[in-house]
N, C-alpha and C. Protein backbone atom coordinates (compact mmCIF):
# COMPACT_ATOMS: atom_id res chain seq x y z
N UNK A 1 -16.74 54.56 88.58
CA UNK A 1 -16.43 53.79 89.76
C UNK A 1 -16.32 52.31 89.37
N UNK A 2 -15.37 51.61 89.92
CA UNK A 2 -15.14 50.21 89.61
C UNK A 2 -15.63 49.33 90.76
N UNK A 3 -16.52 48.42 90.47
CA UNK A 3 -17.05 47.50 91.47
C UNK A 3 -16.21 46.24 91.50
N UNK A 4 -15.91 45.69 92.69
CA UNK A 4 -15.14 44.44 92.77
C UNK A 4 -15.86 43.31 92.05
N UNK A 5 -15.10 42.56 91.28
CA UNK A 5 -15.67 41.42 90.57
C UNK A 5 -16.18 41.76 89.18
N UNK A 6 -16.31 43.06 88.89
CA UNK A 6 -16.76 43.46 87.57
C UNK A 6 -15.58 43.93 86.74
N UNK A 7 -15.69 43.80 85.45
CA UNK A 7 -14.61 44.21 84.56
C UNK A 7 -14.48 45.73 84.59
N UNK A 8 -13.23 46.25 84.63
CA UNK A 8 -13.04 47.69 84.71
C UNK A 8 -13.41 48.42 83.44
N UNK A 9 -13.36 47.78 82.30
CA UNK A 9 -13.70 48.45 81.05
C UNK A 9 -14.43 47.47 80.14
N UNK A 10 -15.01 48.01 79.09
CA UNK A 10 -15.77 47.17 78.15
C UNK A 10 -14.87 46.14 77.47
N UNK A 11 -13.62 46.50 77.24
CA UNK A 11 -12.70 45.56 76.58
C UNK A 11 -12.42 44.34 77.44
N UNK A 12 -12.50 44.47 78.78
CA UNK A 12 -12.24 43.35 79.68
C UNK A 12 -13.49 42.57 80.03
N UNK A 13 -14.61 43.00 79.54
CA UNK A 13 -15.88 42.36 79.87
C UNK A 13 -16.06 41.09 79.06
N UNK A 14 -16.52 40.01 79.73
CA UNK A 14 -16.75 38.75 79.03
C UNK A 14 -17.82 38.90 77.95
N UNK A 15 -18.84 39.72 78.22
CA UNK A 15 -19.89 39.92 77.26
C UNK A 15 -19.33 40.56 75.99
N UNK A 16 -18.40 41.49 76.17
CA UNK A 16 -17.76 42.11 75.01
C UNK A 16 -17.01 41.07 74.20
N UNK A 17 -16.26 40.19 74.90
CA UNK A 17 -15.49 39.17 74.20
C UNK A 17 -16.38 38.21 73.43
N UNK A 18 -17.56 37.91 73.99
CA UNK A 18 -18.46 36.99 73.30
C UNK A 18 -19.10 37.64 72.08
N UNK A 19 -19.20 38.98 72.07
CA UNK A 19 -19.88 39.68 71.00
C UNK A 19 -18.93 40.41 70.07
N UNK A 20 -17.71 39.96 69.97
CA UNK A 20 -16.75 40.60 69.10
C UNK A 20 -17.14 40.42 67.64
N UNK A 21 -16.66 41.30 66.81
CA UNK A 21 -16.86 41.12 65.38
C UNK A 21 -15.85 40.08 64.89
N UNK A 22 -16.03 39.63 63.67
CA UNK A 22 -15.13 38.62 63.12
C UNK A 22 -13.70 39.15 63.02
N UNK A 23 -13.54 40.45 62.85
CA UNK A 23 -12.21 41.03 62.74
C UNK A 23 -11.46 41.00 64.06
N UNK A 24 -12.20 41.08 65.19
CA UNK A 24 -11.56 41.07 66.50
C UNK A 24 -11.17 39.67 66.97
N UNK A 25 -11.83 38.65 66.46
CA UNK A 25 -11.57 37.29 66.90
C UNK A 25 -10.35 36.71 66.20
N UNK A 26 -9.71 35.73 66.83
CA UNK A 26 -8.67 35.02 66.10
C UNK A 26 -9.32 34.28 64.93
N UNK A 27 -8.61 34.21 63.83
CA UNK A 27 -9.19 33.61 62.63
C UNK A 27 -9.31 32.11 62.78
N UNK A 28 -10.54 31.64 62.69
CA UNK A 28 -10.80 30.21 62.74
C UNK A 28 -10.76 29.65 61.33
N UNK A 29 -10.37 28.40 61.21
CA UNK A 29 -10.39 27.79 59.89
C UNK A 29 -11.82 27.79 59.33
N UNK A 30 -11.91 28.09 58.06
CA UNK A 30 -13.21 28.16 57.40
C UNK A 30 -13.28 27.05 56.35
N UNK A 31 -14.39 26.30 56.31
CA UNK A 31 -14.50 25.21 55.34
C UNK A 31 -14.45 25.66 53.89
N UNK A 32 -14.83 26.92 53.63
CA UNK A 32 -14.80 27.40 52.25
C UNK A 32 -13.38 27.76 51.81
N UNK A 33 -12.61 28.37 52.71
CA UNK A 33 -11.25 28.76 52.35
C UNK A 33 -10.22 27.66 52.61
N UNK A 34 -10.53 26.73 53.53
CA UNK A 34 -9.61 25.63 53.86
C UNK A 34 -10.37 24.30 53.93
N UNK A 35 -10.87 23.81 52.82
CA UNK A 35 -11.66 22.58 52.87
C UNK A 35 -10.86 21.35 53.28
N UNK A 36 -9.54 21.39 53.10
CA UNK A 36 -8.72 20.23 53.46
C UNK A 36 -8.72 19.98 54.96
N UNK A 37 -9.01 20.99 55.77
CA UNK A 37 -9.07 20.81 57.22
C UNK A 37 -10.27 19.98 57.64
N UNK A 38 -11.30 19.96 56.82
CA UNK A 38 -12.56 19.29 57.18
C UNK A 38 -12.85 18.10 56.28
N UNK A 39 -11.88 17.72 55.46
CA UNK A 39 -12.05 16.63 54.51
C UNK A 39 -12.29 15.31 55.24
N UNK A 40 -13.42 14.67 54.96
CA UNK A 40 -13.84 13.38 55.55
C UNK A 40 -13.69 13.34 57.07
N UNK A 41 -14.04 14.45 57.70
CA UNK A 41 -13.86 14.58 59.15
C UNK A 41 -14.76 13.63 59.94
N UNK A 42 -16.01 13.47 59.52
CA UNK A 42 -16.92 12.59 60.25
C UNK A 42 -16.45 11.14 60.19
N UNK A 43 -15.97 10.71 59.04
CA UNK A 43 -15.44 9.34 58.91
C UNK A 43 -14.22 9.16 59.81
N UNK A 44 -13.34 10.13 59.78
CA UNK A 44 -12.13 10.07 60.60
C UNK A 44 -12.47 10.04 62.09
N UNK A 45 -13.44 10.86 62.50
CA UNK A 45 -13.83 10.88 63.90
C UNK A 45 -14.45 9.56 64.32
N UNK A 46 -15.25 8.97 63.44
CA UNK A 46 -15.89 7.69 63.75
C UNK A 46 -14.85 6.58 63.91
N UNK A 47 -13.89 6.52 63.01
CA UNK A 47 -12.85 5.50 63.10
C UNK A 47 -11.98 5.74 64.34
N UNK A 48 -11.67 7.01 64.63
CA UNK A 48 -10.89 7.33 65.82
C UNK A 48 -11.62 6.90 67.08
N UNK A 49 -12.94 7.07 67.10
CA UNK A 49 -13.74 6.66 68.26
C UNK A 49 -13.67 5.15 68.46
N UNK A 50 -13.74 4.39 67.38
CA UNK A 50 -13.65 2.93 67.49
C UNK A 50 -12.27 2.52 68.02
N UNK A 51 -11.22 3.16 67.51
CA UNK A 51 -9.86 2.88 67.99
C UNK A 51 -9.76 3.21 69.48
N UNK A 52 -10.32 4.35 69.88
CA UNK A 52 -10.29 4.74 71.29
C UNK A 52 -11.06 3.77 72.17
N UNK A 53 -12.18 3.26 71.66
CA UNK A 53 -12.94 2.26 72.42
C UNK A 53 -12.12 1.00 72.67
N UNK A 54 -11.36 0.58 71.67
CA UNK A 54 -10.50 -0.60 71.84
C UNK A 54 -9.42 -0.33 72.89
N UNK A 55 -8.80 0.85 72.82
CA UNK A 55 -7.76 1.20 73.80
C UNK A 55 -8.35 1.31 75.20
N UNK A 56 -9.51 1.96 75.32
CA UNK A 56 -10.17 2.09 76.63
C UNK A 56 -10.56 0.71 77.15
N UNK A 57 -11.04 -0.16 76.27
CA UNK A 57 -11.37 -1.53 76.67
C UNK A 57 -10.16 -2.28 77.21
N UNK A 58 -9.01 -2.08 76.55
CA UNK A 58 -7.78 -2.71 77.04
C UNK A 58 -7.37 -2.14 78.40
N UNK A 59 -7.54 -0.83 78.58
CA UNK A 59 -7.24 -0.23 79.89
C UNK A 59 -8.15 -0.79 80.97
N UNK A 60 -9.43 -0.90 80.66
CA UNK A 60 -10.40 -1.44 81.63
C UNK A 60 -10.03 -2.88 81.99
N UNK A 61 -9.68 -3.66 80.98
CA UNK A 61 -9.29 -5.05 81.24
C UNK A 61 -8.03 -5.11 82.10
N UNK A 62 -7.04 -4.30 81.78
CA UNK A 62 -5.80 -4.29 82.55
C UNK A 62 -6.02 -3.85 84.00
N UNK A 63 -6.78 -2.75 84.19
CA UNK A 63 -7.05 -2.29 85.55
C UNK A 63 -7.91 -3.28 86.32
N UNK A 64 -8.82 -3.96 85.63
CA UNK A 64 -9.65 -4.96 86.30
C UNK A 64 -8.82 -6.15 86.77
N UNK A 65 -7.90 -6.59 85.94
CA UNK A 65 -7.02 -7.70 86.33
C UNK A 65 -6.15 -7.30 87.51
N UNK A 66 -5.60 -6.06 87.46
CA UNK A 66 -4.80 -5.57 88.59
C UNK A 66 -5.64 -5.50 89.86
N UNK A 67 -6.89 -5.03 89.73
CA UNK A 67 -7.78 -4.94 90.90
C UNK A 67 -8.13 -6.31 91.45
N UNK A 68 -8.32 -7.29 90.55
CA UNK A 68 -8.63 -8.65 91.00
C UNK A 68 -7.45 -9.28 91.73
N UNK A 69 -6.26 -9.07 91.20
CA UNK A 69 -5.05 -9.60 91.86
C UNK A 69 -4.84 -8.90 93.20
N UNK A 70 -5.02 -7.58 93.20
CA UNK A 70 -4.86 -6.84 94.45
C UNK A 70 -5.88 -7.28 95.49
N UNK A 71 -7.05 -7.72 95.02
CA UNK A 71 -8.09 -8.20 95.94
C UNK A 71 -7.66 -9.42 96.71
N UNK A 72 -6.87 -10.29 96.09
CA UNK A 72 -6.37 -11.47 96.79
C UNK A 72 -5.39 -11.08 97.88
N UNK A 73 -4.54 -10.09 97.59
CA UNK A 73 -3.55 -9.67 98.57
C UNK A 73 -4.14 -8.84 99.71
N UNK A 74 -5.28 -8.22 99.46
CA UNK A 74 -5.90 -7.38 100.50
C UNK A 74 -7.11 -8.07 101.13
N UNK A 75 -7.21 -9.38 100.92
CA UNK A 75 -8.31 -10.18 101.47
C UNK A 75 -9.68 -9.65 101.01
N UNK A 76 -9.76 -9.24 99.76
CA UNK A 76 -11.02 -8.81 99.16
C UNK A 76 -11.32 -7.34 99.26
N UNK A 77 -10.51 -6.59 99.98
CA UNK A 77 -10.78 -5.16 100.14
C UNK A 77 -10.66 -4.41 98.82
N UNK A 78 -9.69 -4.74 97.99
CA UNK A 78 -9.50 -4.06 96.70
C UNK A 78 -10.64 -4.36 95.73
N UNK A 79 -11.37 -5.44 95.94
CA UNK A 79 -12.49 -5.76 95.06
C UNK A 79 -13.61 -4.74 95.19
N UNK A 80 -13.65 -4.06 96.31
CA UNK A 80 -14.67 -3.02 96.49
C UNK A 80 -14.47 -1.86 95.52
N UNK A 81 -13.24 -1.65 95.08
CA UNK A 81 -12.94 -0.57 94.16
C UNK A 81 -13.12 -0.92 92.70
N UNK A 82 -13.47 -2.16 92.40
CA UNK A 82 -13.61 -2.57 91.00
C UNK A 82 -14.76 -1.86 90.28
N UNK A 83 -15.74 -1.36 91.01
CA UNK A 83 -16.88 -0.70 90.36
C UNK A 83 -16.49 0.64 89.74
N UNK A 84 -15.37 1.22 90.16
CA UNK A 84 -14.94 2.49 89.57
C UNK A 84 -13.91 2.30 88.45
N UNK A 85 -13.62 1.07 88.09
CA UNK A 85 -12.60 0.83 87.06
C UNK A 85 -13.00 1.44 85.73
N UNK A 86 -14.25 1.26 85.33
CA UNK A 86 -14.67 1.78 84.01
C UNK A 86 -14.61 3.31 83.96
N UNK A 87 -15.28 4.03 84.86
CA UNK A 87 -15.18 5.49 84.75
C UNK A 87 -13.76 6.01 84.98
N UNK A 88 -13.02 5.39 85.88
CA UNK A 88 -11.64 5.83 86.14
C UNK A 88 -10.77 5.62 84.90
N UNK A 89 -10.97 4.52 84.20
CA UNK A 89 -10.19 4.25 82.98
C UNK A 89 -10.49 5.27 81.90
N UNK A 90 -11.76 5.60 81.75
CA UNK A 90 -12.16 6.58 80.72
C UNK A 90 -11.58 7.95 81.05
N UNK A 91 -11.73 8.39 82.29
CA UNK A 91 -11.20 9.69 82.70
C UNK A 91 -9.68 9.72 82.56
N UNK A 92 -9.01 8.67 83.00
CA UNK A 92 -7.56 8.58 82.89
C UNK A 92 -7.12 8.69 81.43
N UNK A 93 -7.78 7.95 80.55
CA UNK A 93 -7.41 7.95 79.13
C UNK A 93 -7.55 9.34 78.51
N UNK A 94 -8.68 9.99 78.76
CA UNK A 94 -8.88 11.31 78.16
C UNK A 94 -7.99 12.37 78.78
N UNK A 95 -7.72 12.29 80.07
CA UNK A 95 -6.81 13.26 80.70
C UNK A 95 -5.40 13.13 80.16
N UNK A 96 -4.95 11.90 79.99
CA UNK A 96 -3.58 11.67 79.53
C UNK A 96 -3.42 12.00 78.04
N UNK A 97 -4.42 11.72 77.23
CA UNK A 97 -4.27 11.92 75.79
C UNK A 97 -4.83 13.26 75.32
N UNK A 98 -6.10 13.50 75.54
CA UNK A 98 -6.74 14.72 75.05
C UNK A 98 -6.27 15.94 75.83
N UNK A 99 -5.92 15.76 77.08
CA UNK A 99 -5.42 16.86 77.90
C UNK A 99 -3.95 17.15 77.73
N UNK A 100 -3.27 16.39 76.88
CA UNK A 100 -1.84 16.60 76.66
C UNK A 100 -1.62 17.73 75.64
N UNK A 101 -0.37 18.03 75.41
CA UNK A 101 -0.03 19.07 74.43
C UNK A 101 -0.44 18.67 73.01
N UNK A 102 -0.54 17.37 72.75
CA UNK A 102 -0.94 16.90 71.41
C UNK A 102 -2.42 17.15 71.14
N UNK A 103 -3.24 17.31 72.19
CA UNK A 103 -4.68 17.56 72.10
C UNK A 103 -5.40 16.53 71.22
N UNK A 104 -4.98 15.28 71.36
CA UNK A 104 -5.60 14.22 70.56
C UNK A 104 -5.45 12.89 71.28
N UNK A 105 -6.48 12.06 71.18
CA UNK A 105 -6.41 10.70 71.71
C UNK A 105 -5.59 9.87 70.73
N UNK A 106 -5.31 8.62 71.10
CA UNK A 106 -4.55 7.76 70.19
C UNK A 106 -5.27 7.55 68.87
N UNK A 107 -6.58 7.36 68.94
CA UNK A 107 -7.37 7.20 67.72
C UNK A 107 -7.35 8.46 66.87
N UNK A 108 -7.44 9.61 67.50
CA UNK A 108 -7.41 10.87 66.76
C UNK A 108 -6.05 11.07 66.11
N UNK A 109 -4.98 10.69 66.79
CA UNK A 109 -3.64 10.81 66.19
C UNK A 109 -3.51 9.90 64.98
N UNK A 110 -4.05 8.69 65.09
CA UNK A 110 -3.97 7.76 63.96
C UNK A 110 -4.78 8.26 62.76
N UNK A 111 -5.86 8.99 63.04
CA UNK A 111 -6.72 9.50 61.97
C UNK A 111 -6.37 10.94 61.57
N UNK A 112 -5.29 11.49 62.12
CA UNK A 112 -4.78 12.81 61.77
C UNK A 112 -5.79 13.92 62.08
N UNK A 113 -6.43 13.85 63.26
CA UNK A 113 -7.30 14.94 63.68
C UNK A 113 -6.88 15.43 65.06
N UNK A 114 -7.23 16.68 65.35
CA UNK A 114 -6.82 17.31 66.59
C UNK A 114 -7.95 18.19 67.10
N UNK A 115 -8.03 18.35 68.41
CA UNK A 115 -9.03 19.21 69.05
C UNK A 115 -8.44 20.62 69.19
N UNK A 116 -9.19 21.60 68.70
CA UNK A 116 -8.72 22.98 68.69
C UNK A 116 -9.74 23.88 69.39
N UNK A 117 -9.29 24.81 70.22
CA UNK A 117 -10.25 25.74 70.81
C UNK A 117 -10.81 26.67 69.74
N UNK A 118 -12.11 26.94 69.80
CA UNK A 118 -12.75 27.78 68.80
C UNK A 118 -13.08 29.17 69.32
N UNK A 119 -12.92 29.40 70.61
CA UNK A 119 -13.30 30.70 71.18
C UNK A 119 -12.11 31.54 71.59
N UNK A 120 -10.93 31.16 71.21
CA UNK A 120 -9.76 31.96 71.51
C UNK A 120 -9.12 31.68 72.86
N UNK A 121 -9.74 30.87 73.72
CA UNK A 121 -9.13 30.55 75.00
C UNK A 121 -8.23 29.33 74.83
N UNK A 122 -7.24 29.18 75.71
CA UNK A 122 -6.37 28.01 75.59
C UNK A 122 -7.13 26.73 75.94
N UNK A 123 -6.69 25.65 75.35
CA UNK A 123 -7.29 24.35 75.63
C UNK A 123 -6.45 23.68 76.72
N UNK A 124 -7.00 23.60 77.91
CA UNK A 124 -6.27 22.98 79.01
C UNK A 124 -6.87 21.62 79.33
N UNK A 125 -6.32 20.96 80.34
CA UNK A 125 -6.78 19.63 80.70
C UNK A 125 -8.23 19.59 81.15
N UNK A 126 -8.67 20.64 81.86
CA UNK A 126 -10.06 20.67 82.31
C UNK A 126 -11.01 20.78 81.13
N UNK A 127 -10.68 21.64 80.16
CA UNK A 127 -11.55 21.78 78.99
C UNK A 127 -11.60 20.48 78.20
N UNK A 128 -10.49 19.78 78.10
CA UNK A 128 -10.46 18.50 77.41
C UNK A 128 -11.32 17.48 78.15
N UNK A 129 -11.26 17.49 79.48
CA UNK A 129 -12.06 16.56 80.27
C UNK A 129 -13.55 16.89 80.17
N UNK A 130 -13.89 18.17 80.19
CA UNK A 130 -15.28 18.58 80.01
C UNK A 130 -15.77 18.20 78.62
N UNK A 131 -14.93 18.39 77.62
CA UNK A 131 -15.29 18.02 76.25
C UNK A 131 -15.59 16.53 76.16
N UNK A 132 -14.73 15.71 76.73
CA UNK A 132 -14.94 14.26 76.69
C UNK A 132 -16.17 13.87 77.50
N UNK A 133 -16.36 14.49 78.66
CA UNK A 133 -17.54 14.19 79.47
C UNK A 133 -18.83 14.54 78.77
N UNK A 134 -18.86 15.70 78.13
CA UNK A 134 -20.05 16.09 77.38
C UNK A 134 -20.29 15.17 76.19
N UNK A 135 -19.20 14.69 75.59
CA UNK A 135 -19.37 13.74 74.48
C UNK A 135 -20.09 12.49 74.98
N UNK A 136 -19.63 11.94 76.10
CA UNK A 136 -20.24 10.71 76.60
C UNK A 136 -21.68 10.95 77.04
N UNK A 137 -21.97 12.12 77.60
CA UNK A 137 -23.35 12.42 78.00
C UNK A 137 -24.24 12.54 76.77
N UNK A 138 -23.79 13.29 75.75
CA UNK A 138 -24.61 13.44 74.55
C UNK A 138 -24.71 12.13 73.78
N UNK A 139 -23.67 11.32 73.81
CA UNK A 139 -23.74 10.02 73.14
C UNK A 139 -24.70 9.09 73.87
N UNK A 140 -24.72 9.18 75.18
CA UNK A 140 -25.61 8.34 75.97
C UNK A 140 -27.06 8.75 75.77
N UNK A 141 -27.32 10.07 75.75
CA UNK A 141 -28.69 10.56 75.59
C UNK A 141 -29.17 10.36 74.16
N UNK A 142 -28.40 10.86 73.19
CA UNK A 142 -28.84 10.75 71.81
C UNK A 142 -27.67 10.98 70.86
N UNK A 143 -26.98 9.92 70.52
CA UNK A 143 -25.88 10.02 69.56
C UNK A 143 -26.36 10.44 68.18
N UNK A 144 -27.49 9.93 67.68
CA UNK A 144 -27.93 10.38 66.34
C UNK A 144 -28.19 11.88 66.27
N UNK A 145 -28.74 12.45 67.34
CA UNK A 145 -28.98 13.90 67.35
C UNK A 145 -27.66 14.66 67.30
N UNK A 146 -26.68 14.19 68.06
CA UNK A 146 -25.37 14.83 68.07
C UNK A 146 -24.70 14.70 66.70
N UNK A 147 -24.89 13.56 66.05
CA UNK A 147 -24.32 13.37 64.72
C UNK A 147 -25.01 14.24 63.68
N UNK A 148 -26.28 14.57 63.89
CA UNK A 148 -26.97 15.47 62.96
C UNK A 148 -26.35 16.86 62.96
N UNK A 149 -25.84 17.29 64.10
CA UNK A 149 -25.19 18.60 64.16
C UNK A 149 -24.01 18.66 63.20
N UNK A 150 -23.30 17.56 63.03
CA UNK A 150 -22.15 17.53 62.14
C UNK A 150 -22.58 17.82 60.70
N UNK A 151 -23.72 17.32 60.33
CA UNK A 151 -24.19 17.49 58.96
C UNK A 151 -24.65 18.91 58.66
N UNK A 152 -25.04 19.67 59.69
CA UNK A 152 -25.62 20.98 59.45
C UNK A 152 -24.79 22.15 59.96
N UNK A 153 -23.66 21.90 60.58
CA UNK A 153 -22.80 23.01 60.99
C UNK A 153 -21.67 23.14 59.96
N UNK A 154 -21.29 24.36 59.63
CA UNK A 154 -20.29 24.54 58.57
C UNK A 154 -18.91 23.95 58.91
N UNK A 155 -18.56 23.94 60.20
CA UNK A 155 -17.24 23.42 60.59
C UNK A 155 -17.31 21.97 61.07
N UNK A 156 -18.41 21.30 60.80
CA UNK A 156 -18.60 19.88 61.13
C UNK A 156 -18.45 19.62 62.62
N UNK A 157 -19.04 20.50 63.45
CA UNK A 157 -18.97 20.36 64.90
C UNK A 157 -20.14 19.54 65.41
N UNK A 158 -19.87 18.68 66.39
CA UNK A 158 -20.93 17.94 67.07
C UNK A 158 -21.48 18.81 68.19
N UNK A 159 -22.53 18.32 68.84
CA UNK A 159 -23.19 19.09 69.89
C UNK A 159 -22.22 19.46 71.01
N UNK A 160 -21.41 18.51 71.47
CA UNK A 160 -20.49 18.81 72.57
C UNK A 160 -19.37 19.75 72.13
N UNK A 161 -19.02 19.76 70.85
CA UNK A 161 -18.03 20.72 70.34
C UNK A 161 -18.59 22.14 70.42
N UNK A 162 -19.85 22.30 70.04
CA UNK A 162 -20.48 23.62 70.09
C UNK A 162 -20.60 24.13 71.52
N UNK A 163 -20.96 23.25 72.44
CA UNK A 163 -21.14 23.67 73.84
C UNK A 163 -19.81 24.07 74.46
N UNK A 164 -18.76 23.29 74.22
CA UNK A 164 -17.46 23.59 74.84
C UNK A 164 -16.62 24.58 74.04
N UNK A 165 -17.06 24.95 72.85
CA UNK A 165 -16.31 25.91 72.06
C UNK A 165 -15.04 25.32 71.49
N UNK A 166 -15.13 24.10 71.00
CA UNK A 166 -13.96 23.45 70.41
C UNK A 166 -14.26 23.06 68.97
N UNK A 167 -13.23 22.68 68.27
CA UNK A 167 -13.34 22.36 66.86
C UNK A 167 -12.39 21.21 66.56
N UNK A 168 -12.87 20.22 65.83
CA UNK A 168 -12.00 19.14 65.37
C UNK A 168 -11.60 19.42 63.93
N UNK A 169 -10.32 19.36 63.67
CA UNK A 169 -9.82 19.56 62.31
C UNK A 169 -8.73 18.54 62.03
N UNK A 170 -8.40 18.37 60.78
CA UNK A 170 -7.29 17.50 60.42
C UNK A 170 -5.99 18.18 60.84
N UNK A 171 -5.11 17.42 61.44
CA UNK A 171 -3.90 18.00 62.03
C UNK A 171 -2.90 18.50 60.99
N UNK A 172 -2.53 17.68 60.03
CA UNK A 172 -1.47 18.09 59.10
C UNK A 172 -1.86 19.32 58.28
N UNK A 173 -3.09 19.41 57.73
CA UNK A 173 -3.44 20.67 57.04
C UNK A 173 -3.57 21.84 58.00
N UNK A 174 -3.96 21.59 59.26
CA UNK A 174 -4.09 22.67 60.22
C UNK A 174 -2.72 23.30 60.51
N UNK A 175 -1.70 22.48 60.62
CA UNK A 175 -0.36 23.01 60.86
C UNK A 175 0.05 23.92 59.70
N UNK A 176 -0.24 23.49 58.49
CA UNK A 176 0.06 24.34 57.32
C UNK A 176 -0.78 25.61 57.35
N UNK A 177 -2.05 25.50 57.76
CA UNK A 177 -2.95 26.66 57.82
C UNK A 177 -2.42 27.70 58.81
N UNK A 178 -2.04 27.27 60.03
CA UNK A 178 -1.57 28.23 61.04
C UNK A 178 -0.22 28.81 60.67
N UNK A 179 0.63 28.05 60.01
CA UNK A 179 1.91 28.61 59.55
C UNK A 179 1.66 29.70 58.51
N UNK A 180 0.71 29.47 57.60
CA UNK A 180 0.38 30.47 56.60
C UNK A 180 -0.22 31.71 57.26
N UNK A 181 -1.07 31.52 58.28
CA UNK A 181 -1.66 32.65 59.01
C UNK A 181 -0.57 33.48 59.68
N UNK A 182 0.41 32.80 60.31
CA UNK A 182 1.50 33.52 60.98
C UNK A 182 2.33 34.30 59.98
N UNK A 183 2.58 33.71 58.82
CA UNK A 183 3.35 34.42 57.80
C UNK A 183 2.60 35.64 57.29
N UNK A 184 1.28 35.53 57.11
CA UNK A 184 0.48 36.68 56.65
C UNK A 184 0.46 37.78 57.68
N UNK A 185 0.32 37.44 58.96
CA UNK A 185 0.26 38.49 59.98
C UNK A 185 1.64 39.12 60.18
N UNK A 186 2.69 38.37 60.04
CA UNK A 186 4.04 38.97 60.17
C UNK A 186 4.33 39.87 58.99
N UNK A 187 3.89 39.48 57.81
CA UNK A 187 4.13 40.30 56.62
C UNK A 187 3.33 41.58 56.60
N UNK A 188 2.20 41.59 57.33
CA UNK A 188 1.35 42.78 57.35
C UNK A 188 1.94 43.91 58.20
N UNK A 189 2.80 43.58 59.13
CA UNK A 189 3.35 44.60 60.03
C UNK A 189 4.70 44.97 59.57
């Protein structure tokens, strides 16, 4: 008997999907077989973060100036909205960049890294926004603890990467990696 809201078979069950063997999962890049994907990843992520902070700072400055000018035209009413400029700028930046098809912020693009889903689900705008939000929460609570995860996880994932099921890898070697994977799977059939 099939109950509404429950998966009709074990193959459709979320628990089954979470407990798949390595053979059932899509092949994730492995640091031992593809070390170029993880080469100097922490340094690249740190530099990308600094670049993103500069861009976000410029967005905050631009939106603040627009809000201040709009305040004069609205007799001060627009000044009431200035308190949301910082969070709105951050959300806007991550939605437009990380939530795009490129799956990378401007800093990440400059440093040749990209955000990749690690659990086989597609990476959509909501997942990118949750990823960025969790990053800011973990950075606010304890950035050193989150950075320690990078040193002890084989794929160099931070705490928010592990929670959201994402992976940061270098973009150019990743493209070569997935092309090689596609060629191997096509040749096998």
